[in-house]
Amino acid sequence: MIIHNIGDSQSVLNKFISEIRDTSIQKDAMRFRRNIERIGEILGYELSKILDYSNKNITTPLGQKEMLLPVNPIVLCSILRAGLPLHNGLLNYFDTAENAFVSAYRKHIDDTNFEIKVEYFASPSLQGKTLLLADPMLATGGSLITTYNAILKNGTPKEIHIIAVIASKNGIDFIEKHLPKNTHLWVATVDDTLNDKGYIIPGLGDAGDLAFGKKL
């Protein structure tokens, strides 16, 4: 797997990451969602640099200009519900992408053990296309791999790009074992550990709850 840790370099991205972590700022759900969206825009821009391009003549009011434009047929798939703000940020840049949505959630067996359940999936064909799979928190990696296996019934993508806001080293190691070798991971920052409930430490908490309110 090819890992692109965008937070390793100095940029305004780090300001947005600090705000979604900060307990005094993340209480503002609208700002939290917007910061996730802005992080998605930055990751999408970086991702766009390695897509396929071809020349196209553009007619202006005063003449013509040959320009390099992306040609990849893209399907943008997000894991509900936490993935929605990240999805919006990516869609701001890949506005002609087809869209897919999947519900994958942790069904807890007890305080520390859980299994991943997928109950909803809506997607166009993925066959031969560029798949952008957005999941803001790559913790254990279990929900992402369960999602990936579920969506393959709609075809095999030509290439796969995973987009995450925060990833754990454990999660990265896990998905690397289960995804094609040419898969790209685009991540805003990487944290070292997980707690006994499978949450990223220091992380930011529950991204879905912070964006949309607590669930039962």
N, C-alpha and C. Protein backbone atom coordinates (compact mmCIF):
# COMPACT_ATOMS: atom_id res chain seq x y z
N MET A 1 0.85 -1.19 0.00
CA MET A 1 0.00 0.00 0.00
C MET A 1 0.88 1.24 0.00
N ILE A 2 0.45 2.25 -0.72
CA ILE A 2 1.20 3.49 -0.82
C ILE A 2 0.55 4.51 0.11
N ILE A 3 1.30 4.96 1.12
CA ILE A 3 0.75 5.84 2.15
C ILE A 3 1.19 7.27 1.92
N HIS A 4 0.20 8.18 1.90
CA HIS A 4 0.45 9.61 1.76
C HIS A 4 -0.02 10.29 3.05
N ASN A 5 0.90 10.57 3.96
CA ASN A 5 0.57 11.25 5.21
C ASN A 5 0.76 12.74 5.00
N ILE A 6 -0.32 13.42 4.63
CA ILE A 6 -0.22 14.83 4.24
C ILE A 6 0.13 15.72 5.42
N GLY A 7 -0.25 15.31 6.64
CA GLY A 7 0.05 16.10 7.82
C GLY A 7 1.51 16.14 8.20
N ASP A 8 2.34 15.34 7.54
CA ASP A 8 3.78 15.35 7.82
C ASP A 8 4.45 16.64 7.39
N SER A 9 3.82 17.35 6.44
CA SER A 9 4.41 18.60 5.97
C SER A 9 3.66 19.79 6.57
N GLN A 10 4.30 20.93 6.63
CA GLN A 10 3.70 22.12 7.21
C GLN A 10 2.70 22.73 6.25
N SER A 11 1.45 22.88 6.71
CA SER A 11 0.43 23.54 5.89
C SER A 11 -0.74 23.91 6.78
N VAL A 12 -1.70 24.63 6.22
CA VAL A 12 -2.89 25.03 6.97
C VAL A 12 -3.73 23.81 7.38
N LEU A 13 -3.48 22.66 6.74
CA LEU A 13 -4.18 21.44 7.13
C LEU A 13 -4.04 21.18 8.63
N ASN A 14 -2.87 21.45 9.19
CA ASN A 14 -2.64 21.18 10.60
C ASN A 14 -3.54 22.03 11.51
N LYS A 15 -3.91 23.21 11.05
CA LYS A 15 -4.83 24.04 11.83
C LYS A 15 -6.20 23.38 11.92
N PHE A 16 -6.67 22.85 10.80
CA PHE A 16 -7.98 22.19 10.79
C PHE A 16 -7.96 20.93 11.66
N ILE A 17 -6.85 20.18 11.60
CA ILE A 17 -6.73 18.97 12.43
C ILE A 17 -6.74 19.34 13.90
N SER A 18 -6.01 20.40 14.26
CA SER A 18 -5.95 20.80 15.67
C SER A 18 -7.33 21.19 16.18
N GLU A 19 -8.15 21.83 15.33
CA GLU A 19 -9.47 22.27 15.76
C GLU A 19 -10.45 21.11 15.94
N ILE A 20 -10.35 20.08 15.10
CA ILE A 20 -11.27 18.95 15.29
C ILE A 20 -10.87 18.11 16.51
N ARG A 21 -9.62 18.22 16.95
CA ARG A 21 -9.17 17.53 18.16
C ARG A 21 -9.51 18.32 19.43
N ASP A 22 -9.49 19.64 19.35
CA ASP A 22 -9.58 20.51 20.51
C ASP A 22 -10.97 20.44 21.14
N THR A 23 -11.05 20.00 22.40
CA THR A 23 -12.35 19.82 23.07
C THR A 23 -13.11 21.13 23.21
N SER A 24 -12.40 22.27 23.23
CA SER A 24 -13.09 23.55 23.39
C SER A 24 -13.67 24.05 22.07
N ILE A 25 -13.20 23.51 20.94
CA ILE A 25 -13.68 23.93 19.62
C ILE A 25 -14.62 22.91 19.02
N GLN A 26 -14.35 21.63 19.22
CA GLN A 26 -15.12 20.58 18.56
C GLN A 26 -16.56 20.51 19.06
N LYS A 27 -16.88 21.21 20.17
CA LYS A 27 -18.25 21.25 20.65
C LYS A 27 -19.18 21.96 19.67
N ASP A 28 -18.62 22.79 18.81
CA ASP A 28 -19.39 23.48 17.76
C ASP A 28 -19.52 22.50 16.59
N ALA A 29 -20.68 21.84 16.51
CA ALA A 29 -20.86 20.78 15.50
C ALA A 29 -20.73 21.31 14.09
N MET A 30 -21.22 22.53 13.84
CA MET A 30 -21.13 23.08 12.49
C MET A 30 -19.68 23.32 12.10
N ARG A 31 -18.88 23.83 13.03
CA ARG A 31 -17.46 24.06 12.74
C ARG A 31 -16.74 22.72 12.57
N PHE A 32 -17.12 21.74 13.40
CA PHE A 32 -16.50 20.42 13.27
C PHE A 32 -16.75 19.84 11.88
N ARG A 33 -18.01 19.89 11.42
CA ARG A 33 -18.33 19.36 10.09
C ARG A 33 -17.57 20.12 9.00
N ARG A 34 -17.51 21.43 9.13
CA ARG A 34 -16.83 22.23 8.11
C ARG A 34 -15.33 21.93 8.07
N ASN A 35 -14.73 21.72 9.25
CA ASN A 35 -13.30 21.39 9.27
C ASN A 35 -13.04 20.03 8.62
N ILE A 36 -13.90 19.04 8.88
CA ILE A 36 -13.76 17.75 8.21
C ILE A 36 -13.90 17.92 6.71
N GLU A 37 -14.85 18.76 6.30
CA GLU A 37 -15.05 19.02 4.87
C GLU A 37 -13.81 19.66 4.26
N ARG A 38 -13.22 20.63 4.96
CA ARG A 38 -12.02 21.30 4.43
C ARG A 38 -10.85 20.33 4.35
N ILE A 39 -10.74 19.44 5.33
CA ILE A 39 -9.68 18.42 5.28
C ILE A 39 -9.90 17.52 4.06
N GLY A 40 -11.17 17.17 3.78
CA GLY A 40 -11.47 16.38 2.59
C GLY A 40 -11.06 17.08 1.31
N GLU A 41 -11.26 18.39 1.26
CA GLU A 41 -10.87 19.16 0.08
C GLU A 41 -9.36 19.11 -0.12
N ILE A 42 -8.60 19.25 0.95
CA ILE A 42 -7.14 19.22 0.84
C ILE A 42 -6.65 17.85 0.41
N LEU A 43 -7.20 16.80 1.03
CA LEU A 43 -6.79 15.44 0.65
C LEU A 43 -7.18 15.14 -0.79
N GLY A 44 -8.35 15.64 -1.21
CA GLY A 44 -8.78 15.45 -2.59
C GLY A 44 -7.86 16.15 -3.57
N TYR A 45 -7.42 17.35 -3.23
CA TYR A 45 -6.49 18.08 -4.09
C TYR A 45 -5.18 17.32 -4.24
N GLU A 46 -4.65 16.82 -3.12
CA GLU A 46 -3.39 16.07 -3.19
C GLU A 46 -3.57 14.80 -4.01
N LEU A 47 -4.68 14.12 -3.82
CA LEU A 47 -4.97 12.90 -4.57
C LEU A 47 -5.05 13.18 -6.06
N SER A 48 -5.61 14.33 -6.41
CA SER A 48 -5.82 14.65 -7.83
C SER A 48 -4.53 14.70 -8.62
N LYS A 49 -3.41 14.89 -7.94
CA LYS A 49 -2.13 15.05 -8.62
C LYS A 49 -1.64 13.77 -9.28
N ILE A 50 -2.18 12.61 -8.86
CA ILE A 50 -1.69 11.36 -9.43
C ILE A 50 -2.75 10.66 -10.30
N LEU A 51 -3.84 11.35 -10.60
CA LEU A 51 -4.84 10.78 -11.49
C LEU A 51 -4.36 10.84 -12.93
N ASP A 52 -5.12 10.25 -13.84
CA ASP A 52 -4.78 10.27 -15.27
C ASP A 52 -5.34 11.54 -15.91
N TYR A 53 -4.56 12.11 -16.81
CA TYR A 53 -4.96 13.36 -17.47
C TYR A 53 -4.79 13.23 -18.98
N SER A 54 -5.57 14.00 -19.73
CA SER A 54 -5.39 14.08 -21.17
C SER A 54 -5.64 15.51 -21.62
N ASN A 55 -5.08 15.86 -22.77
CA ASN A 55 -5.23 17.21 -23.30
C ASN A 55 -6.61 17.41 -23.91
N LYS A 56 -7.17 18.59 -23.68
CA LYS A 56 -8.45 18.95 -24.28
C LYS A 56 -8.42 20.42 -24.66
N ASN A 57 -8.90 20.74 -25.86
CA ASN A 57 -8.98 22.13 -26.30
C ASN A 57 -10.22 22.79 -25.71
N ILE A 58 -10.00 23.90 -25.02
CA ILE A 58 -11.08 24.67 -24.41
C ILE A 58 -11.27 25.95 -25.21
N THR A 59 -12.49 26.20 -25.61
CA THR A 59 -12.80 27.41 -26.37
C THR A 59 -13.19 28.54 -25.42
N THR A 60 -12.46 29.63 -25.49
CA THR A 60 -12.77 30.82 -24.70
C THR A 60 -13.42 31.86 -25.61
N PRO A 61 -13.93 32.97 -25.09
CA PRO A 61 -14.49 34.01 -25.96
C PRO A 61 -13.48 34.59 -26.95
N LEU A 62 -12.18 34.40 -26.66
CA LEU A 62 -11.15 35.02 -27.50
C LEU A 62 -10.24 34.02 -28.20
N GLY A 63 -10.49 32.76 -28.06
CA GLY A 63 -9.62 31.79 -28.72
C GLY A 63 -9.74 30.41 -28.12
N GLN A 64 -8.65 29.63 -28.21
CA GLN A 64 -8.64 28.29 -27.67
C GLN A 64 -7.40 28.08 -26.81
N LYS A 65 -7.53 27.20 -25.82
CA LYS A 65 -6.43 26.87 -24.94
C LYS A 65 -6.43 25.37 -24.68
N GLU A 66 -5.28 24.73 -24.92
CA GLU A 66 -5.15 23.31 -24.63
C GLU A 66 -4.83 23.13 -23.15
N MET A 67 -5.61 22.27 -22.49
CA MET A 67 -5.43 22.08 -21.06
C MET A 67 -5.44 20.59 -20.71
N LEU A 68 -4.70 20.25 -19.66
CA LEU A 68 -4.71 18.88 -19.15
C LEU A 68 -5.86 18.72 -18.16
N LEU A 69 -6.76 17.78 -18.43
CA LEU A 69 -7.92 17.57 -17.58
C LEU A 69 -7.98 16.11 -17.14
N PRO A 70 -8.46 15.87 -15.90
CA PRO A 70 -8.54 14.49 -15.40
C PRO A 70 -9.57 13.69 -16.17
N VAL A 71 -9.27 12.41 -16.36
CA VAL A 71 -10.15 11.55 -17.16
C VAL A 71 -10.65 10.33 -16.40
N ASN A 72 -10.23 10.15 -15.16
CA ASN A 72 -10.64 8.97 -14.41
C ASN A 72 -12.15 8.96 -14.15
N PRO A 73 -12.84 7.85 -14.43
CA PRO A 73 -14.23 7.71 -13.99
C PRO A 73 -14.23 7.37 -12.50
N ILE A 74 -14.71 8.29 -11.67
CA ILE A 74 -14.57 8.17 -10.22
C ILE A 74 -15.89 7.78 -9.57
N VAL A 75 -15.81 6.87 -8.61
CA VAL A 75 -16.92 6.58 -7.71
C VAL A 75 -16.46 6.94 -6.30
N LEU A 76 -17.19 7.85 -5.67
CA LEU A 76 -16.88 8.28 -4.32
C LEU A 76 -17.82 7.57 -3.35
N CYS A 77 -17.27 6.75 -2.48
CA CYS A 77 -18.06 5.95 -1.54
C CYS A 77 -17.71 6.33 -0.11
N SER A 78 -18.73 6.61 0.69
CA SER A 78 -18.50 6.99 2.09
C SER A 78 -19.23 6.04 3.02
N ILE A 79 -18.63 5.86 4.19
CA ILE A 79 -19.22 5.02 5.23
C ILE A 79 -20.07 5.91 6.13
N LEU A 80 -21.38 5.62 6.17
CA LEU A 80 -22.31 6.41 6.97
C LEU A 80 -22.10 6.11 8.46
N ARG A 81 -22.34 7.13 9.35
CA ARG A 81 -22.78 8.48 9.04
C ARG A 81 -21.63 9.47 9.11
N ALA A 82 -20.57 9.04 9.82
CA ALA A 82 -19.44 9.94 10.06
C ALA A 82 -18.76 10.40 8.77
N GLY A 83 -18.90 9.60 7.70
CA GLY A 83 -18.22 9.93 6.45
C GLY A 83 -18.85 11.04 5.65
N LEU A 84 -20.03 11.52 6.03
CA LEU A 84 -20.74 12.50 5.20
C LEU A 84 -20.01 13.83 5.03
N PRO A 85 -19.49 14.47 6.08
CA PRO A 85 -18.76 15.72 5.87
C PRO A 85 -17.51 15.53 5.02
N LEU A 86 -16.81 14.42 5.21
CA LEU A 86 -15.63 14.12 4.40
C LEU A 86 -16.04 13.91 2.94
N HIS A 87 -17.15 13.22 2.74
CA HIS A 87 -17.70 13.00 1.40
C HIS A 87 -17.97 14.34 0.71
N ASN A 88 -18.59 15.27 1.44
CA ASN A 88 -18.90 16.58 0.86
C ASN A 88 -17.64 17.32 0.43
N GLY A 89 -16.59 17.25 1.26
CA GLY A 89 -15.34 17.91 0.90
C GLY A 89 -14.73 17.35 -0.36
N LEU A 90 -14.74 16.03 -0.50
CA LEU A 90 -14.21 15.40 -1.71
C LEU A 90 -15.08 15.71 -2.91
N LEU A 91 -16.40 15.74 -2.70
CA LEU A 91 -17.31 16.00 -3.81
C LEU A 91 -17.19 17.44 -4.30
N ASN A 92 -16.75 18.35 -3.44
CA ASN A 92 -16.51 19.72 -3.87
C ASN A 92 -15.46 19.78 -4.97
N TYR A 93 -14.52 18.85 -4.93
CA TYR A 93 -13.43 18.84 -5.92
C TYR A 93 -13.68 17.83 -7.04
N PHE A 94 -14.29 16.71 -6.72
CA PHE A 94 -14.61 15.70 -7.74
C PHE A 94 -16.12 15.75 -7.99
N ASP A 95 -16.57 16.88 -8.53
CA ASP A 95 -18.00 17.17 -8.61
C ASP A 95 -18.73 16.34 -9.66
N THR A 96 -18.01 15.69 -10.55
CA THR A 96 -18.67 14.83 -11.55
C THR A 96 -18.62 13.35 -11.15
N ALA A 97 -18.13 13.07 -9.95
CA ALA A 97 -18.02 11.68 -9.51
C ALA A 97 -19.39 11.05 -9.30
N GLU A 98 -19.48 9.75 -9.56
CA GLU A 98 -20.64 8.99 -9.14
C GLU A 98 -20.51 8.75 -7.63
N ASN A 99 -21.64 8.49 -6.98
CA ASN A 99 -21.62 8.41 -5.53
C ASN A 99 -22.17 7.09 -5.02
N ALA A 100 -21.58 6.61 -3.93
CA ALA A 100 -22.03 5.38 -3.27
C ALA A 100 -22.01 5.61 -1.77
N PHE A 101 -22.90 4.89 -1.07
CA PHE A 101 -22.99 5.02 0.38
C PHE A 101 -23.20 3.64 0.98
N VAL A 102 -22.53 3.42 2.11
CA VAL A 102 -22.65 2.15 2.80
C VAL A 102 -22.72 2.40 4.29
N SER A 103 -23.58 1.64 4.98
CA SER A 103 -23.65 1.75 6.44
C SER A 103 -22.85 0.60 7.04
N ALA A 104 -21.80 0.94 7.74
CA ALA A 104 -21.00 -0.06 8.46
C ALA A 104 -20.84 0.45 9.88
N TYR A 105 -21.20 -0.38 10.85
CA TYR A 105 -21.14 0.09 12.23
C TYR A 105 -20.67 -1.03 13.14
N ARG A 106 -20.22 -0.62 14.31
CA ARG A 106 -19.77 -1.58 15.32
C ARG A 106 -20.97 -2.08 16.12
N LYS A 107 -21.21 -3.38 16.11
CA LYS A 107 -22.22 -3.99 16.98
C LYS A 107 -21.47 -4.59 18.16
N HIS A 108 -21.62 -3.95 19.31
CA HIS A 108 -20.83 -4.35 20.48
C HIS A 108 -21.39 -5.63 21.11
N ILE A 109 -20.50 -6.55 21.35
CA ILE A 109 -20.83 -7.79 22.05
C ILE A 109 -20.72 -7.57 23.55
N ASP A 110 -19.70 -6.82 23.96
CA ASP A 110 -19.53 -6.38 25.33
C ASP A 110 -18.75 -5.06 25.30
N ASP A 111 -18.19 -4.64 26.42
CA ASP A 111 -17.54 -3.32 26.48
C ASP A 111 -16.33 -3.21 25.57
N THR A 112 -15.66 -4.31 25.30
CA THR A 112 -14.42 -4.24 24.52
C THR A 112 -14.45 -5.00 23.21
N ASN A 113 -15.45 -5.85 22.99
CA ASN A 113 -15.51 -6.65 21.77
C ASN A 113 -16.69 -6.25 20.91
N PHE A 114 -16.47 -6.23 19.59
CA PHE A 114 -17.53 -5.85 18.67
C PHE A 114 -17.31 -6.53 17.33
N GLU A 115 -18.37 -6.58 16.53
CA GLU A 115 -18.28 -7.05 15.16
C GLU A 115 -18.82 -5.96 14.24
N ILE A 116 -18.37 -5.97 12.98
CA ILE A 116 -18.78 -4.95 12.04
C ILE A 116 -19.98 -5.45 11.24
N LYS A 117 -21.02 -4.65 11.19
CA LYS A 117 -22.23 -4.98 10.46
C LYS A 117 -22.42 -4.01 9.29
N VAL A 118 -22.74 -4.55 8.12
CA VAL A 118 -23.11 -3.74 6.95
C VAL A 118 -24.57 -4.03 6.63
N GLU A 119 -25.42 -3.00 6.68
CA GLU A 119 -26.85 -3.22 6.48
C GLU A 119 -27.41 -2.47 5.27
N TYR A 120 -26.64 -1.55 4.70
CA TYR A 120 -27.15 -0.76 3.57
C TYR A 120 -26.01 -0.46 2.63
N PHE A 121 -26.27 -0.61 1.33
CA PHE A 121 -25.26 -0.29 0.33
C PHE A 121 -25.95 0.14 -0.96
N ALA A 122 -25.65 1.33 -1.41
CA ALA A 122 -26.18 1.86 -2.67
C ALA A 122 -25.01 2.37 -3.50
N SER A 123 -24.85 1.81 -4.70
CA SER A 123 -23.66 2.15 -5.49
C SER A 123 -23.90 1.89 -6.96
N PRO A 124 -23.26 2.69 -7.83
CA PRO A 124 -23.21 2.34 -9.25
C PRO A 124 -22.20 1.22 -9.46
N SER A 125 -22.00 0.80 -10.68
CA SER A 125 -20.97 -0.19 -10.97
C SER A 125 -19.60 0.39 -10.63
N LEU A 126 -18.76 -0.46 -10.05
CA LEU A 126 -17.39 -0.06 -9.73
C LEU A 126 -16.39 -0.61 -10.75
N GLN A 127 -16.87 -1.41 -11.69
CA GLN A 127 -15.98 -2.14 -12.59
C GLN A 127 -15.09 -1.20 -13.39
N GLY A 128 -13.77 -1.35 -13.21
CA GLY A 128 -12.80 -0.59 -13.98
C GLY A 128 -12.71 0.87 -13.62
N LYS A 129 -13.33 1.29 -12.53
CA LYS A 129 -13.35 2.72 -12.16
C LYS A 129 -12.36 3.01 -11.03
N THR A 130 -12.19 4.29 -10.76
CA THR A 130 -11.35 4.74 -9.65
C THR A 130 -12.24 4.91 -8.43
N LEU A 131 -12.00 4.11 -7.40
CA LEU A 131 -12.81 4.14 -6.19
C LEU A 131 -12.13 4.99 -5.13
N LEU A 132 -12.85 6.00 -4.64
CA LEU A 132 -12.42 6.78 -3.49
C LEU A 132 -13.28 6.35 -2.31
N LEU A 133 -12.68 5.70 -1.33
CA LEU A 133 -13.41 5.18 -0.18
C LEU A 133 -13.08 6.03 1.03
N ALA A 134 -14.09 6.79 1.50
CA ALA A 134 -13.86 7.79 2.55
C ALA A 134 -14.37 7.30 3.90
N ASP A 135 -13.48 7.30 4.89
CA ASP A 135 -13.82 6.93 6.26
C ASP A 135 -12.96 7.81 7.16
N PRO A 136 -13.57 8.76 7.90
CA PRO A 136 -12.75 9.75 8.62
C PRO A 136 -11.83 9.16 9.67
N MET A 137 -12.28 8.09 10.37
CA MET A 137 -11.47 7.52 11.44
C MET A 137 -11.08 6.09 11.08
N LEU A 138 -9.83 5.89 10.74
CA LEU A 138 -9.32 4.55 10.44
C LEU A 138 -8.70 4.01 11.72
N ALA A 139 -9.52 3.34 12.52
CA ALA A 139 -9.08 2.87 13.85
C ALA A 139 -8.52 1.46 13.75
N THR A 140 -9.39 0.46 13.87
CA THR A 140 -8.93 -0.93 13.75
C THR A 140 -8.77 -1.35 12.30
N GLY A 141 -9.50 -0.67 11.40
CA GLY A 141 -9.51 -1.05 9.99
C GLY A 141 -10.58 -2.06 9.66
N GLY A 142 -11.27 -2.59 10.68
CA GLY A 142 -12.26 -3.64 10.45
C GLY A 142 -13.45 -3.18 9.63
N SER A 143 -14.00 -2.00 9.93
CA SER A 143 -15.16 -1.52 9.19
C SER A 143 -14.81 -1.23 7.75
N LEU A 144 -13.60 -0.74 7.51
CA LEU A 144 -13.21 -0.41 6.15
C LEU A 144 -13.06 -1.67 5.30
N ILE A 145 -12.44 -2.71 5.84
CA ILE A 145 -12.26 -3.94 5.08
C ILE A 145 -13.59 -4.65 4.89
N THR A 146 -14.46 -4.64 5.91
CA THR A 146 -15.80 -5.22 5.75
C THR A 146 -16.56 -4.50 4.66
N THR A 147 -16.45 -3.18 4.64
CA THR A 147 -17.09 -2.38 3.59
C THR A 147 -16.52 -2.72 2.22
N TYR A 148 -15.21 -2.78 2.12
CA TYR A 148 -14.56 -3.08 0.84
C TYR A 148 -15.03 -4.43 0.29
N ASN A 149 -15.08 -5.44 1.15
CA ASN A 149 -15.53 -6.76 0.70
C ASN A 149 -16.99 -6.75 0.27
N ALA A 150 -17.81 -5.93 0.94
CA ALA A 150 -19.23 -5.87 0.60
C ALA A 150 -19.48 -5.19 -0.74
N ILE A 151 -18.70 -4.17 -1.05
CA ILE A 151 -18.98 -3.40 -2.27
C ILE A 151 -18.41 -4.06 -3.52
N LEU A 152 -17.56 -5.06 -3.36
CA LEU A 152 -16.99 -5.73 -4.54
C LEU A 152 -18.05 -6.45 -5.37
N LYS A 153 -19.23 -6.67 -4.79
CA LYS A 153 -20.30 -7.29 -5.57
C LYS A 153 -20.75 -6.39 -6.72
N ASN A 154 -20.39 -5.11 -6.66
CA ASN A 154 -20.73 -4.18 -7.74
C ASN A 154 -19.58 -3.98 -8.72
N GLY A 155 -18.59 -4.85 -8.67
CA GLY A 155 -17.50 -4.78 -9.64
C GLY A 155 -16.15 -4.54 -8.98
N THR A 156 -15.09 -4.79 -9.73
CA THR A 156 -13.72 -4.62 -9.24
C THR A 156 -13.16 -3.30 -9.75
N PRO A 157 -12.81 -2.36 -8.85
CA PRO A 157 -12.25 -1.08 -9.29
C PRO A 157 -10.89 -1.25 -9.95
N LYS A 158 -10.56 -0.34 -10.85
CA LYS A 158 -9.24 -0.32 -11.46
C LYS A 158 -8.19 0.11 -10.44
N GLU A 159 -8.55 1.07 -9.60
CA GLU A 159 -7.65 1.54 -8.56
C GLU A 159 -8.46 2.00 -7.35
N ILE A 160 -7.82 1.95 -6.18
CA ILE A 160 -8.51 2.26 -4.93
C ILE A 160 -7.71 3.31 -4.16
N HIS A 161 -8.43 4.33 -3.70
CA HIS A 161 -7.84 5.35 -2.85
C HIS A 161 -8.65 5.42 -1.56
N ILE A 162 -8.01 5.18 -0.43
CA ILE A 162 -8.64 5.32 0.88
C ILE A 162 -8.35 6.73 1.38
N ILE A 163 -9.39 7.43 1.85
CA ILE A 163 -9.23 8.78 2.37
C ILE A 163 -9.66 8.80 3.82
N ALA A 164 -8.75 9.16 4.72
CA ALA A 164 -9.04 9.19 6.15
C ALA A 164 -8.52 10.49 6.75
N VAL A 165 -9.19 10.94 7.79
CA VAL A 165 -8.73 12.13 8.51
C VAL A 165 -7.67 11.75 9.52
N ILE A 166 -8.00 10.79 10.40
CA ILE A 166 -7.03 10.29 11.38
C ILE A 166 -6.98 8.77 11.27
N ALA A 167 -5.77 8.24 11.23
CA ALA A 167 -5.58 6.78 11.18
C ALA A 167 -4.69 6.36 12.34
N SER A 168 -4.90 5.15 12.81
CA SER A 168 -3.97 4.56 13.78
C SER A 168 -2.97 3.69 13.02
N LYS A 169 -1.82 3.50 13.62
CA LYS A 169 -0.82 2.62 13.00
C LYS A 169 -1.36 1.19 12.91
N ASN A 170 -2.14 0.78 13.93
CA ASN A 170 -2.74 -0.56 13.90
C ASN A 170 -3.67 -0.71 12.70
N GLY A 171 -4.51 0.29 12.48
CA GLY A 171 -5.46 0.24 11.37
C GLY A 171 -4.77 0.20 10.02
N ILE A 172 -3.71 0.98 9.89
CA ILE A 172 -2.96 0.99 8.63
C ILE A 172 -2.35 -0.39 8.37
N ASP A 173 -1.75 -0.97 9.40
CA ASP A 173 -1.14 -2.30 9.25
C ASP A 173 -2.20 -3.33 8.85
N PHE A 174 -3.39 -3.22 9.44
CA PHE A 174 -4.45 -4.20 9.17
C PHE A 174 -4.95 -4.10 7.73
N ILE A 175 -5.27 -2.90 7.26
CA ILE A 175 -5.82 -2.79 5.91
C ILE A 175 -4.77 -3.09 4.85
N GLU A 176 -3.50 -2.85 5.20
CA GLU A 176 -2.43 -3.14 4.24
C GLU A 176 -2.39 -4.63 3.91
N LYS A 177 -2.81 -5.48 4.86
CA LYS A 177 -2.80 -6.92 4.65
C LYS A 177 -3.99 -7.40 3.82
N HIS A 178 -5.02 -6.57 3.68
CA HIS A 178 -6.27 -7.02 3.07
C HIS A 178 -6.66 -6.28 1.80
N LEU A 179 -5.89 -5.29 1.40
CA LEU A 179 -6.20 -4.53 0.19
C LEU A 179 -5.12 -4.76 -0.87
N PRO A 180 -5.46 -4.55 -2.15
CA PRO A 180 -4.45 -4.70 -3.20
C PRO A 180 -3.21 -3.85 -2.94
N LYS A 181 -2.06 -4.33 -3.39
CA LYS A 181 -0.79 -3.64 -3.10
C LYS A 181 -0.71 -2.24 -3.67
N ASN A 182 -1.45 -1.98 -4.77
CA ASN A 182 -1.37 -0.65 -5.38
C ASN A 182 -2.40 0.32 -4.81
N THR A 183 -3.03 -0.05 -3.68
CA THR A 183 -3.98 0.84 -3.02
C THR A 183 -3.24 2.04 -2.44
N HIS A 184 -3.85 3.23 -2.56
CA HIS A 184 -3.29 4.44 -1.97
C HIS A 184 -4.09 4.83 -0.73
N LEU A 185 -3.39 5.20 0.34
CA LEU A 185 -4.02 5.75 1.53
C LEU A 185 -3.64 7.21 1.65
N TRP A 186 -4.65 8.08 1.68
CA TRP A 186 -4.45 9.51 1.86
C TRP A 186 -4.98 9.87 3.25
N VAL A 187 -4.08 10.30 4.12
CA VAL A 187 -4.47 10.52 5.51
C VAL A 187 -3.92 11.87 5.98
N ALA A 188 -4.73 12.56 6.79
CA ALA A 188 -4.32 13.87 7.28
C ALA A 188 -3.33 13.77 8.43
N THR A 189 -3.46 12.73 9.26
CA THR A 189 -2.52 12.53 10.36
C THR A 189 -2.63 11.11 10.89
N VAL A 190 -1.56 10.62 11.52
CA VAL A 190 -1.50 9.25 12.04
C VAL A 190 -1.20 9.29 13.53
N ASP A 191 -2.01 8.57 14.32
CA ASP A 191 -1.79 8.44 15.76
C ASP A 191 -1.26 7.04 16.07
N ASP A 192 -0.62 6.92 17.24
CA ASP A 192 0.12 5.70 17.55
C ASP A 192 -0.74 4.52 17.98
N THR A 193 -1.73 4.75 18.85
CA THR A 193 -2.33 3.62 19.53
C THR A 193 -3.86 3.64 19.52
N LEU A 194 -4.44 2.53 20.00
CA LEU A 194 -5.87 2.38 20.23
C LEU A 194 -6.09 2.06 21.70
N ASN A 195 -7.26 2.47 22.22
CA ASN A 195 -7.57 2.03 23.58
C ASN A 195 -8.25 0.66 23.55
N ASP A 196 -8.68 0.16 24.72
CA ASP A 196 -9.23 -1.20 24.76
C ASP A 196 -10.60 -1.31 24.10
N LYS A 197 -11.20 -0.16 23.73
CA LYS A 197 -12.48 -0.18 23.02
C LYS A 197 -12.31 0.05 21.52
N GLY A 198 -11.06 0.12 21.07
CA GLY A 198 -10.79 0.27 19.64
C GLY A 198 -10.88 1.69 19.13
N TYR A 199 -10.78 2.69 20.02
CA TYR A 199 -10.79 4.08 19.60
C TYR A 199 -9.36 4.61 19.51
N ILE A 200 -9.14 5.52 18.56
CA ILE A 200 -7.80 6.07 18.33
C ILE A 200 -7.41 6.99 19.49
N ILE A 201 -6.16 6.84 19.96
CA ILE A 201 -5.60 7.67 21.02
C ILE A 201 -4.40 8.43 20.45
N PRO A 202 -4.33 9.79 20.59
CA PRO A 202 -5.30 10.67 21.24
C PRO A 202 -6.56 10.94 20.42
N GLY A 203 -6.51 10.77 19.11
CA GLY A 203 -7.71 10.87 18.28
C GLY A 203 -8.49 12.15 18.47
N LEU A 204 -9.84 12.00 18.49
CA LEU A 204 -10.70 13.17 18.71
C LEU A 204 -12.03 12.80 19.36
N GLY A 205 -12.26 11.51 19.58
CA GLY A 205 -13.55 11.07 20.09
C GLY A 205 -14.33 10.38 18.99
N ASP A 206 -15.65 10.45 19.07
CA ASP A 206 -16.53 9.83 18.07
C ASP A 206 -16.89 10.85 17.01
N ALA A 207 -16.36 10.68 15.80
CA ALA A 207 -16.56 11.68 14.74
C ALA A 207 -18.03 11.81 14.36
N GLY A 208 -18.76 10.70 14.33
CA GLY A 208 -20.18 10.76 13.99
C GLY A 208 -20.98 11.54 15.01
N ASP A 209 -20.72 11.31 16.29
CA ASP A 209 -21.43 12.03 17.34
C ASP A 209 -21.08 13.51 17.32
N LEU A 210 -19.81 13.84 17.11
CA LEU A 210 -19.40 15.24 17.08
C LEU A 210 -20.01 15.98 15.90
N ALA A 211 -20.21 15.28 14.80
CA ALA A 211 -20.76 15.93 13.60
C ALA A 211 -22.27 16.04 13.66
N PHE A 212 -22.94 15.01 14.21
CA PHE A 212 -24.40 14.93 14.06
C PHE A 212 -25.16 14.71 15.37
N GLY A 213 -24.48 14.65 16.51
CA GLY A 213 -25.14 14.45 17.78
C GLY A 213 -25.06 13.00 18.22
N LYS A 214 -25.24 12.80 19.52
CA LYS A 214 -25.11 11.45 20.07
C LYS A 214 -26.26 10.55 19.62
N LYS A 215 -25.96 9.28 19.48
CA LYS A 215 -26.94 8.27 19.09
C LYS A 215 -27.25 7.37 20.29
N LEU A 216 -28.35 6.66 20.21
CA LEU A 216 -28.69 5.72 21.29
C LEU A 216 -27.73 4.53 21.29
